[in-house]
Amino acid sequence: MSARRTAVFPAGMEPVRQRLDRWRERRTPGSAMPESLWAMAVKVARRHGVYPTARALGLEYNKLKRLSQSADHTQGAGSSPTFVELIAPPPSGVSQCRIELEAVRGARMKIELPSASAELIVGVCRVLWSGAL
């Protein structure tokens, strides 16, 4: 007795496989596969990988890989960033501390911080300017 192997396709791949099978039954020999079918295959390849998709759907691996990569590049060009840092201005009631230092040789340093950090900065400046380091 020979056991017949039946292919099991992931859920998102089955509708694409059925559309490809219908196209293959009706196509004229030598005609290129429609772009809409390639686009569907690229979507499946993003989810399941290029090689498994090409193998399961009977597609040319290199073309599917190339289309998947170009789709990734064009999609990345128009997509929005995933992280954006926003630095809000301080509330109007918060006071600022500005420390400006100038060395004898002309070196300058300006530090602006919330007033809560002022004591720490003054201590660091004393150590630096006293020559202890």
Protein backbone atom coordinates (compact mmCIF):
# COMPACT_ATOMS: atom_id res chain seq x y z
CA MET A 1 0.00 0.00 0.00
CA SER A 2 1.30 3.41 -0.83
CA ALA A 3 0.32 6.31 1.29
CA ARG A 4 -0.66 9.33 -0.76
CA ARG A 5 0.80 12.57 0.55
CA THR A 6 -1.51 15.54 0.50
CA ALA A 7 -0.02 18.98 0.68
CA VAL A 8 -1.11 21.13 3.58
CA PHE A 9 -0.98 24.85 2.85
CA PRO A 10 -0.99 27.59 5.47
CA ALA A 11 -4.31 29.42 5.74
CA GLY A 12 -3.30 32.53 3.79
CA MET A 13 -1.68 30.53 1.00
CA GLU A 14 -4.65 28.40 -0.08
CA PRO A 15 -6.70 31.14 -1.84
CA VAL A 16 -3.60 32.22 -3.78
CA ARG A 17 -2.88 28.62 -4.77
CA GLN A 18 -6.46 28.21 -6.04
CA ARG A 19 -6.23 31.42 -8.12
CA LEU A 20 -2.91 30.28 -9.58
CA ASP A 21 -4.37 26.88 -10.44
CA ARG A 22 -7.32 28.53 -12.25
CA TRP A 23 -4.96 30.82 -14.16
CA ARG A 24 -2.73 27.89 -15.14
CA GLU A 25 -5.72 25.92 -16.46
CA ARG A 26 -6.91 28.82 -18.66
CA ARG A 27 -3.67 30.46 -19.78
CA THR A 28 -2.24 30.27 -23.22
CA PRO A 29 1.21 28.67 -23.38
CA GLY A 30 4.03 31.18 -23.07
CA SER A 31 1.94 33.93 -21.50
CA ALA A 32 3.33 35.72 -18.47
CA MET A 33 1.67 35.46 -15.10
CA PRO A 34 -0.42 38.57 -14.34
CA GLU A 35 1.05 41.16 -11.98
CA SER A 36 -1.97 40.82 -9.67
CA LEU A 37 -1.08 37.16 -9.03
CA TRP A 38 2.57 38.06 -8.41
CA ALA A 39 1.42 40.74 -5.94
CA MET A 40 -0.68 38.16 -4.09
CA ALA A 41 2.30 35.78 -3.99
CA VAL A 42 4.53 38.56 -2.60
CA LYS A 43 2.05 39.16 0.24
CA VAL A 44 2.08 35.46 1.08
CA ALA A 45 5.89 35.39 0.88
CA ARG A 46 6.14 38.21 3.42
CA ARG A 47 4.21 36.12 5.89
CA HIS A 48 5.53 32.62 5.18
CA GLY A 49 8.92 33.24 3.55
CA VAL A 50 10.01 33.31 -0.09
CA TYR A 51 11.26 29.73 -0.42
CA PRO A 52 8.25 28.00 1.21
CA THR A 53 5.88 30.15 -0.85
CA ALA A 54 7.70 29.55 -4.13
CA ARG A 55 7.82 25.83 -3.47
CA ALA A 56 4.19 25.47 -2.37
CA LEU A 57 2.80 27.61 -5.19
CA GLY A 58 5.15 26.35 -7.90
CA LEU A 59 6.62 29.78 -8.62
CA GLU A 60 10.06 30.85 -9.76
CA TYR A 61 12.04 31.46 -6.56
CA ASN A 62 14.38 34.16 -7.89
CA LYS A 63 11.58 36.26 -9.39
CA LEU A 64 9.49 36.01 -6.21
CA LYS A 65 12.52 36.98 -4.12
CA ARG A 66 13.29 39.96 -6.37
CA LEU A 67 9.66 41.16 -6.30
CA SER A 68 9.50 40.72 -2.52
CA GLN A 69 12.66 42.75 -2.01
CA SER A 70 11.55 45.56 -4.32
CA ALA A 71 8.16 45.63 -2.59
CA ASP A 72 9.93 45.94 0.78
CA HIS A 73 12.01 48.88 -0.48
CA THR A 74 9.06 50.75 -1.95
CA GLN A 75 6.98 50.08 1.12
CA GLY A 76 9.79 51.31 3.39
CA ALA A 77 10.17 54.55 1.41
CA GLY A 78 6.64 55.74 2.13
CA SER A 79 6.13 54.24 5.55
CA SER A 80 6.12 56.29 8.69
CA PRO A 81 8.87 55.87 11.28
CA THR A 82 8.20 53.49 14.13
CA PHE A 83 9.69 55.76 16.81
CA VAL A 84 9.70 59.51 17.04
CA GLU A 85 11.17 61.40 19.97
CA LEU A 86 9.39 64.60 20.84
CA ILE A 87 11.05 67.08 23.14
CA ALA A 88 8.47 69.35 24.63
CA PRO A 89 9.37 72.80 25.86
CA PRO A 90 9.42 73.17 29.63
CA PRO A 91 6.23 74.33 31.32
CA SER A 92 6.03 78.08 31.72
CA GLY A 93 6.22 77.90 35.52
CA VAL A 94 9.54 75.99 35.61
CA SER A 95 12.61 78.11 36.12
CA GLN A 96 15.82 77.46 34.21
CA CYS A 97 19.41 77.52 35.34
CA ARG A 98 22.00 78.84 32.92
CA ILE A 99 25.67 78.51 33.76
CA GLU A 100 28.23 80.16 31.50
CA LEU A 101 31.93 79.53 32.03
CA GLU A 102 34.91 81.08 30.28
CA ALA A 103 38.49 79.92 30.74
CA VAL A 104 41.52 82.22 30.66
CA ARG A 105 42.53 80.80 27.28
CA GLY A 106 39.11 81.59 25.78
CA ALA A 107 37.31 78.23 26.09
CA ARG A 108 33.60 78.72 26.77
CA MET A 109 30.90 76.45 28.15
CA LYS A 110 27.17 77.13 28.46
CA ILE A 111 24.87 74.79 30.35
CA GLU A 112 21.09 75.20 30.59
CA LEU A 113 19.16 72.95 32.93
CA PRO A 114 16.11 73.01 35.15
CA SER A 115 16.93 74.81 38.37
CA ALA A 116 16.71 71.55 40.33
CA SER A 117 20.01 70.42 38.72
CA ALA A 118 21.88 73.66 39.39
CA GLU A 119 23.61 72.59 42.62
CA LEU A 120 24.98 69.44 41.00
CA ILE A 121 26.35 71.35 38.01
CA VAL A 122 27.94 74.04 40.18
CA GLY A 123 29.72 71.30 42.15
CA VAL A 124 31.02 69.68 38.95
CA CYS A 125 32.21 73.04 37.64
CA ARG A 126 34.09 73.78 40.88
CA VAL A 127 35.93 70.48 40.62
CA LEU A 128 36.79 71.02 36.94
CA TRP A 129 37.88 74.63 37.27
CA SER A 130 39.86 74.12 40.47
CA GLY A 131 42.25 71.83 38.57
CA ALA A 132 41.58 68.85 40.82
CA LEU A 133 41.26 66.53 37.83
